[in-house]
Protein backbone atom coordinates (compact mmCIF):
# COMPACT_ATOMS: atom_id res chain seq x y z
CA MET A 1 13.67 15.41 -48.19
CA ARG A 2 11.77 12.20 -47.57
CA ARG A 3 14.03 11.40 -44.61
CA LEU A 4 13.39 14.84 -43.17
CA LEU A 5 9.62 14.42 -43.54
CA ALA A 6 9.81 10.97 -41.95
CA ALA A 7 11.76 12.37 -39.00
CA VAL A 8 9.23 15.18 -38.54
CA LEU A 9 6.33 12.74 -38.67
CA LEU A 10 8.04 10.46 -36.14
CA ALA A 11 8.61 13.39 -33.78
CA VAL A 12 5.01 14.57 -34.12
CA THR A 13 3.71 11.04 -33.53
CA SER A 14 5.94 10.66 -30.48
CA VAL A 15 4.78 13.98 -29.01
CA ALA A 16 1.17 13.04 -29.61
CA ALA A 17 1.68 9.67 -27.92
CA HIS A 18 3.27 11.31 -24.90
CA ALA A 19 0.48 13.88 -24.70
CA GLN A 20 -2.02 11.03 -24.41
CA TYR A 21 -0.02 9.29 -21.69
CA PRO A 22 -1.17 7.07 -20.16
CA SER A 23 -3.29 5.34 -22.79
CA LYS A 24 -2.95 1.82 -21.38
CA PRO A 25 -2.25 0.10 -18.04
CA ILE A 26 0.90 1.01 -16.13
CA ARG A 27 2.88 -1.78 -14.49
CA ILE A 28 4.82 -1.31 -11.25
CA VAL A 29 7.35 -4.07 -10.62
CA VAL A 30 7.98 -4.70 -6.91
CA PRO A 31 11.19 -6.53 -5.92
CA PHE A 32 9.57 -8.29 -2.94
CA PRO A 33 6.72 -10.78 -2.37
CA ALA A 34 3.04 -9.96 -2.00
CA GLY A 35 2.31 -8.85 1.56
CA SER A 36 5.68 -7.17 2.07
CA ALA A 37 5.80 -3.52 3.10
CA THR A 38 6.97 -2.40 -0.35
CA ASP A 39 4.16 -4.37 -1.98
CA VAL A 40 1.56 -2.68 0.23
CA ILE A 41 3.02 0.77 -0.46
CA ALA A 42 3.03 0.18 -4.22
CA ARG A 43 -0.57 -1.05 -4.23
CA VAL A 44 -1.85 1.87 -2.15
CA LEU A 45 -0.11 4.45 -4.34
CA GLY A 46 -0.96 2.59 -7.53
CA GLY A 47 -4.65 2.50 -6.67
CA SER A 48 -4.69 6.22 -5.98
CA VAL A 49 -2.84 7.08 -9.21
CA SER A 50 -5.04 4.73 -11.20
CA ALA A 51 -8.17 6.59 -10.11
CA ALA A 52 -6.57 9.90 -11.08
CA VAL A 53 -5.29 8.95 -14.55
CA GLY A 54 -8.13 6.68 -15.63
CA GLN A 55 -5.90 3.68 -16.36
CA PRO A 56 -5.15 0.59 -14.26
CA VAL A 57 -1.88 0.66 -12.31
CA LEU A 58 -0.92 -2.97 -11.86
CA VAL A 59 1.56 -4.30 -9.31
CA GLU A 60 3.71 -7.28 -10.28
CA ASN A 61 5.91 -9.01 -7.70
CA LYS A 62 9.35 -10.16 -8.89
CA ALA A 63 11.11 -11.26 -5.72
CA GLY A 64 14.62 -12.62 -5.39
CA ALA A 65 18.31 -11.76 -5.75
CA ASP A 66 18.02 -8.82 -3.32
CA GLY A 67 15.74 -7.00 -5.75
CA ALA A 68 18.10 -7.41 -8.71
CA ILE A 69 15.63 -9.57 -10.68
CA ALA A 70 12.97 -6.85 -10.65
CA ALA A 71 15.46 -4.06 -11.25
CA THR A 72 17.08 -5.84 -14.20
CA GLU A 73 13.70 -6.44 -15.83
CA VAL A 74 12.74 -2.78 -15.58
CA ALA A 75 16.16 -1.59 -16.77
CA ARG A 76 15.65 -3.63 -19.94
CA ALA A 77 12.04 -2.50 -20.53
CA ALA A 78 10.92 0.07 -23.09
CA PRO A 79 11.36 3.60 -21.64
CA ASP A 80 7.76 4.58 -22.39
CA GLY A 81 6.46 5.00 -18.84
CA TYR A 82 4.43 1.79 -18.78
CA THR A 83 6.95 -0.29 -16.82
CA LEU A 84 8.12 1.18 -13.52
CA LEU A 85 10.11 -0.03 -10.52
CA MET A 86 9.14 0.57 -6.90
CA ALA A 87 12.75 0.32 -5.84
CA THR A 88 14.27 0.30 -2.40
CA ASN A 89 17.77 0.57 -1.05
CA SER A 90 18.08 -3.19 -1.65
CA PRO A 91 18.46 -3.12 -5.45
CA MET A 92 19.63 0.49 -5.70
CA SER A 93 22.09 0.80 -2.78
CA ALA A 94 23.00 -2.63 -1.48
CA VAL A 95 23.29 -4.70 -4.67
CA PRO A 96 25.89 -2.31 -6.19
CA ALA A 97 27.79 -2.36 -2.90
CA LEU A 98 27.60 -6.12 -2.34
CA ARG A 99 28.52 -7.29 -5.84
CA LYS A 100 31.76 -6.80 -7.71
CA THR A 101 29.87 -6.93 -11.02
CA PRO A 102 26.28 -5.70 -10.48
CA PRO A 103 23.82 -6.53 -13.30
CA TYR A 104 22.97 -2.85 -13.76
CA ASP A 105 24.05 0.66 -12.82
CA PRO A 106 21.48 2.44 -10.57
CA VAL A 107 22.55 5.81 -11.99
CA THR A 108 22.83 5.22 -15.74
CA ASP A 109 20.32 2.39 -16.29
CA PHE A 110 17.29 4.06 -14.71
CA THR A 111 15.27 7.26 -14.82
CA PRO A 112 14.48 8.59 -11.33
CA ILE A 113 10.85 9.71 -11.02
CA THR A 114 10.19 10.54 -7.36
CA ASP A 115 11.38 9.70 -3.90
CA VAL A 116 8.61 7.84 -2.06
CA GLY A 117 9.66 7.58 1.57
CA ARG A 118 11.46 5.95 4.50
CA TYR A 119 10.79 2.64 6.26
CA THR A 120 10.77 1.97 9.98
CA PHE A 121 12.74 -1.16 10.98
CA PHE A 122 12.74 -2.96 14.33
CA LEU A 123 15.29 -5.31 15.89
CA ILE A 124 13.13 -8.27 16.90
CA VAL A 125 13.61 -11.59 18.68
CA HIS A 126 11.49 -14.67 19.32
CA PRO A 127 9.99 -14.62 22.84
CA ASP A 128 12.01 -17.70 23.80
CA VAL A 129 15.23 -15.70 23.47
CA PRO A 130 16.16 -14.68 27.05
CA ALA A 131 16.72 -11.02 26.19
CA LYS A 132 14.43 -8.06 26.74
CA THR A 133 16.99 -5.40 25.82
CA VAL A 134 19.66 -5.00 23.17
CA ALA A 135 22.35 -5.26 25.84
CA GLU A 136 20.89 -8.57 27.03
CA LEU A 137 20.75 -9.87 23.45
CA ILE A 138 24.41 -9.00 22.92
CA ALA A 139 25.37 -10.69 26.19
CA TYR A 140 23.38 -13.80 25.25
CA ALA A 141 24.96 -13.98 21.78
CA ARG A 142 28.45 -13.56 23.23
CA ALA A 143 27.79 -16.39 25.67
CA ASN A 144 26.46 -18.58 22.85
CA PRO A 145 28.61 -17.83 19.78
CA GLY A 146 27.16 -19.21 16.55
CA LYS A 147 23.96 -20.43 18.25
CA VAL A 148 21.74 -17.43 17.42
CA ASN A 149 20.20 -17.71 13.96
CA TYR A 150 19.08 -14.46 12.36
CA ALA A 151 16.70 -14.20 9.42
CA THR A 152 16.80 -11.66 6.60
CA GLY A 153 14.20 -10.94 3.94
CA ASN A 154 15.94 -8.10 2.13
CA THR A 155 19.32 -6.44 1.93
CA THR A 156 18.41 -3.91 4.60
CA GLY A 157 18.20 -6.87 6.95
CA ILE A 158 21.43 -8.35 5.59
CA VAL A 159 23.48 -5.17 5.80
CA SER A 160 22.01 -3.81 9.03
CA THR A 161 22.38 -7.10 10.92
CA ALA A 162 25.95 -7.58 9.70
CA TYR A 163 26.69 -4.03 10.82
CA PHE A 164 24.96 -4.64 14.18
CA ALA A 165 26.93 -7.84 14.77
CA SER A 166 30.25 -6.21 13.89
CA GLN A 167 29.58 -3.25 16.18
CA ALA A 168 28.46 -5.54 19.02
CA GLY A 169 31.31 -8.02 18.52
CA ILE A 170 29.06 -11.08 18.30
CA GLU A 171 28.82 -14.16 16.05
CA MET A 172 25.44 -15.21 14.62
CA VAL A 173 24.27 -17.54 11.84
CA HIS A 174 22.65 -15.96 8.78
CA VAL A 175 19.49 -17.60 7.37
CA PRO A 176 18.37 -15.71 4.22
CA TYR A 177 14.82 -15.68 2.81
CA LYS A 178 13.31 -14.25 -0.38
CA GLY A 179 11.16 -11.82 1.59
CA GLU A 180 10.08 -10.79 5.08
CA PRO A 181 6.77 -12.74 5.14
CA GLN A 182 8.62 -16.06 4.79
CA ALA A 183 11.29 -15.02 7.29
CA LEU A 184 8.69 -13.98 9.85
CA THR A 185 6.84 -17.28 9.49
CA ASP A 186 9.98 -19.11 10.61
CA LEU A 187 10.75 -16.55 13.32
CA VAL A 188 7.28 -16.95 14.85
CA ALA A 189 7.74 -20.73 14.69
CA GLY A 190 11.06 -20.40 16.54
CA ARG A 191 13.19 -21.84 13.73
CA VAL A 192 15.25 -18.62 13.79
CA GLN A 193 15.75 -16.31 16.75
CA MET A 194 16.23 -12.76 15.45
CA ILE A 195 15.45 -10.40 12.59
CA ILE A 196 15.73 -6.72 11.69
CA ALA A 197 12.51 -6.15 9.74
CA SER A 198 10.07 -3.45 8.66
CA ALA A 199 7.23 -2.27 10.87
CA GLY A 200 4.37 -2.99 8.48
CA THR A 201 4.89 -6.74 8.60
CA THR A 202 6.00 -7.07 12.23
CA VAL A 203 3.98 -4.68 14.45
CA PRO A 204 0.83 -6.88 14.55
CA LEU A 205 2.95 -9.88 15.57
CA ILE A 206 4.70 -7.83 18.25
CA ARG A 207 1.42 -6.51 19.64
CA ASP A 208 0.06 -10.07 19.80
CA GLY A 209 3.08 -11.17 21.81
CA LYS A 210 4.31 -13.55 19.12
CA LEU A 211 7.52 -11.53 18.73
CA ARG A 212 9.46 -9.10 20.93
CA ALA A 213 10.87 -5.78 19.68
CA LEU A 214 14.09 -4.65 21.35
CA ALA A 215 14.78 -1.43 19.41
CA VAL A 216 13.77 0.69 16.44
CA THR A 217 16.61 1.52 14.04
CA LEU A 218 15.49 5.12 13.44
CA PRO A 219 16.80 8.07 15.48
CA ARG A 220 13.30 8.57 16.93
CA ARG A 221 10.76 6.21 18.49
CA SER A 222 7.89 4.91 16.39
CA PRO A 223 4.37 6.04 17.34
CA LEU A 224 3.22 2.48 16.56
CA LEU A 225 5.35 1.11 19.42
CA PRO A 226 6.29 4.13 21.55
CA ASP A 227 7.67 2.01 24.40
CA VAL A 228 10.35 0.47 22.19
CA PRO A 229 13.63 2.43 22.49
CA THR A 230 15.69 3.65 19.57
CA ILE A 231 18.86 1.74 18.79
CA GLY A 232 20.78 4.75 20.14
CA GLU A 233 18.84 4.72 23.41
CA ALA A 234 19.52 0.99 23.60
CA GLY A 235 23.27 1.64 23.67
CA MET A 236 24.33 1.74 20.01
CA PRO A 237 24.27 5.41 18.97
CA GLN A 238 26.78 4.69 16.18
CA PHE A 239 24.25 2.49 14.33
CA SER A 240 23.01 4.39 11.27
CA LEU A 241 21.35 2.96 8.17
CA THR A 242 18.50 4.39 6.10
CA SER A 243 15.91 2.20 4.41
CA TRP A 244 14.12 4.02 1.60
CA ALA A 245 11.86 3.60 -1.43
CA GLY A 246 11.72 5.47 -4.72
CA LEU A 247 9.99 5.19 -8.08
CA PHE A 248 12.08 4.61 -11.20
CA GLY A 249 11.68 3.80 -14.87
CA PRO A 250 14.14 2.60 -17.51
CA ALA A 251 16.83 5.01 -18.69
CA LYS A 252 15.97 7.66 -21.29
CA MET A 253 12.30 8.10 -20.46
CA PRO A 254 10.66 11.16 -22.10
CA ALA A 255 10.79 14.20 -19.83
CA ASP A 256 7.06 14.90 -20.17
CA VAL A 257 6.18 11.35 -19.08
CA VAL A 258 8.50 11.64 -16.07
CA GLU A 259 6.90 14.97 -15.19
CA ARG A 260 3.39 13.49 -15.43
CA LEU A 261 4.28 10.53 -13.24
CA ASN A 262 6.04 12.75 -10.72
CA LYS A 263 2.97 14.99 -10.52
CA GLU A 264 0.48 12.13 -10.16
CA PHE A 265 2.44 10.25 -7.51
CA ALA A 266 3.09 13.44 -5.54
CA ALA A 267 -0.64 14.16 -5.62
CA ALA A 268 -1.38 10.63 -4.43
CA MET A 269 1.06 11.00 -1.54
CA SER A 270 -0.73 14.16 -0.41
CA ARG A 271 -4.14 12.47 -0.08
CA PRO A 272 -5.31 11.82 3.51
CA ASP A 273 -6.38 8.22 2.82
CA VAL A 274 -2.97 7.38 1.36
CA GLN A 275 -1.18 9.04 4.27
CA ALA A 276 -3.34 7.08 6.74
CA ALA A 277 -2.46 3.82 4.99
CA MET A 278 1.25 4.71 5.14
CA ASP A 279 1.00 5.54 8.84
CA LYS A 280 -0.18 1.97 9.46
CA GLN A 281 3.05 0.81 7.81
CA ALA A 282 5.13 3.31 9.82
CA PHE A 283 6.28 4.55 6.44
CA VAL A 284 7.16 8.25 6.16
CA LEU A 285 6.32 9.74 2.75
CA SER A 286 8.88 12.07 1.16
CA PRO A 287 7.98 12.96 -2.45
CA SER A 288 10.68 14.78 -4.39
CA SER A 289 11.73 15.97 -7.80
CA SER A 290 13.29 13.55 -10.26
CA ALA A 291 16.63 15.35 -9.93
CA ALA A 292 16.60 15.18 -6.13
CA LEU A 293 16.04 11.42 -6.22
CA GLY A 294 18.95 11.07 -8.65
CA VAL A 295 21.27 12.83 -6.21
CA TYR A 296 19.96 10.75 -3.29
CA VAL A 297 20.67 7.49 -5.12
CA LYS A 298 24.33 8.45 -5.49
CA GLU A 299 24.58 9.44 -1.81
CA GLN A 300 23.04 6.18 -0.61
CA MET A 301 25.29 4.03 -2.78
CA GLN A 302 28.30 5.56 -1.05
CA SER A 303 26.65 5.28 2.38
CA TYR A 304 26.09 1.55 1.94
CA ARG A 305 29.67 1.02 0.80
CA ASP A 306 30.86 2.80 3.95
CA VAL A 307 28.62 0.69 6.23
CA LEU A 308 29.71 -2.56 4.57
CA ARG A 309 33.34 -1.58 4.90
CA ALA A 310 32.80 -0.88 8.62
CA ALA A 311 31.09 -4.27 8.98
CA GLY A 312 33.98 -6.00 7.25
CA VAL A 313 31.77 -7.23 4.38
CA GLN A 314 33.54 -7.52 1.04
CA PRO A 315 31.78 -7.42 -2.37
CA GLU A 316 31.42 -10.84 -3.97
């Protein structure tokens, strides 16, 4: 009888706690450095949600290991809705495809909350590279095998550039960085020659003439740089890779907390000021149900495995 009463009291207490959610600050862990596109997106959305729920939404940057450090921390956190992950395809699609023994399972170790959106990536070179088109870049790389250094700041850059090189039949030298800001610093300085990077961190540098964009990796041109052709228009219609972001929590989060978070983030994404901030990042918002994000994660894991196989990249 006492055990039964204790169980009832625990259930009532738990329900009451969830009903008051959130009653303290919420932490969003971002797998990339401050100043990266994902960091900006998390801070914009977090600020909007914070104003709506009356609690601070704090962003904490945990860069490194292709997002696996941040993802592992959140997977191990208490599933109470106070530790979340602004995940991208890096930790959720690429890490499982690139590693034989990933440190977590994107499907079973996390609770999907909502899809957030899609990134715009550009293929970019330093102005000293004698190429103003993708075809000219390929010709230059073929004539100088192993002499073109390409930077990466995330696994989208790693996978997409490996795929690009395999499709173009060229040899380049990979120089990895913990995030795009560091990679771009060296690209502007001319220490590396090429990168495939997100629009939010690169468009100002391109407009200032410090970098040159040869193509956008989406199937449509970006309104931020409408004169830059798509990768298909540039002669590689077979190139296809989606870069996305979604919000997750640890596995086994209470359904009512997931529902509250889904509602609040969807509301934030509908606000004109948030949409304007995302437009500056060339980031397309796509809120969804928790279930829809769960299905999408599975689809993208398979897509990345297919792309890596086509690029000849084997899990390590």
